[in-house]
């Protein structure tokens, strides 16, 4: 990048410092305009200049990320905050939420969130943001946080596990969940896990109960709730062994 073209004027520097002080590293057009005593078109022109020079980058219409004034990069802006700007009211889940709670070592290049809106995907910098649609009653089990001055929503550890099980059906998913349930056996809130699962279909809860048993977690309440319910479920496509407790078919590799 040619730094001669990106040097800020004193007024531009004061503007960015003021925005960062008040809002962190994300601001919208109205917040920018409120700090300037110039015409609407002049504000648009200034914003366009700051974008062109690399000091602002558009997240979505009317919303901008502000570069770090020392490093001139955007690496300090949390994807948790970016996701909330892209679709307000959504919450980050899946592997990124597991990482946030210290249960997933690799920081994924994809941030997957849950929303009641249509499924969408966005690209911002080098990160893909995917939003999956859920029923309104499933929009629970997340907490509101403030990160670097920005609001964000992130799934609890238990909710992230449920989302992975609900939205993904492949063998990798099952292996991942068994691993995480076993690793966090002494940390996981089984009461919260089961309570949050009540809004999911019966077939989902059969799968959850079986996985809880594999991890040696207390699944008694879930078993009582499912007692007498008709039908059956399959853990994976290759499942061919029947478990009468959960009325579920599983692969022999999961046999104790």
Foldseek 3Di string as FASTA:
>chain_A
DPVVLQDDDPVRVVLCVVCCVQANFKDFLVVSVVVDPDDPVVSVVVVVSCCVSQQWPDLDPRMIGGADPPVSHRVQDDVQQSLCVVPPPKAWAAQCLCVVVPNHDDRDLETEIEDQDDWDWDDDDSHIYTYHHDDPLLSDQWDWDADRRGIGIYHDPLSRLLVLLVPDQAPVNLVSSLVSCLVCVVPDDVVVNLVSCPVPDLQSLLLVLLSCVLSVHDCVVSLVVCPPPDDAYESHPPFDCADVSSRYGYDPVSPD
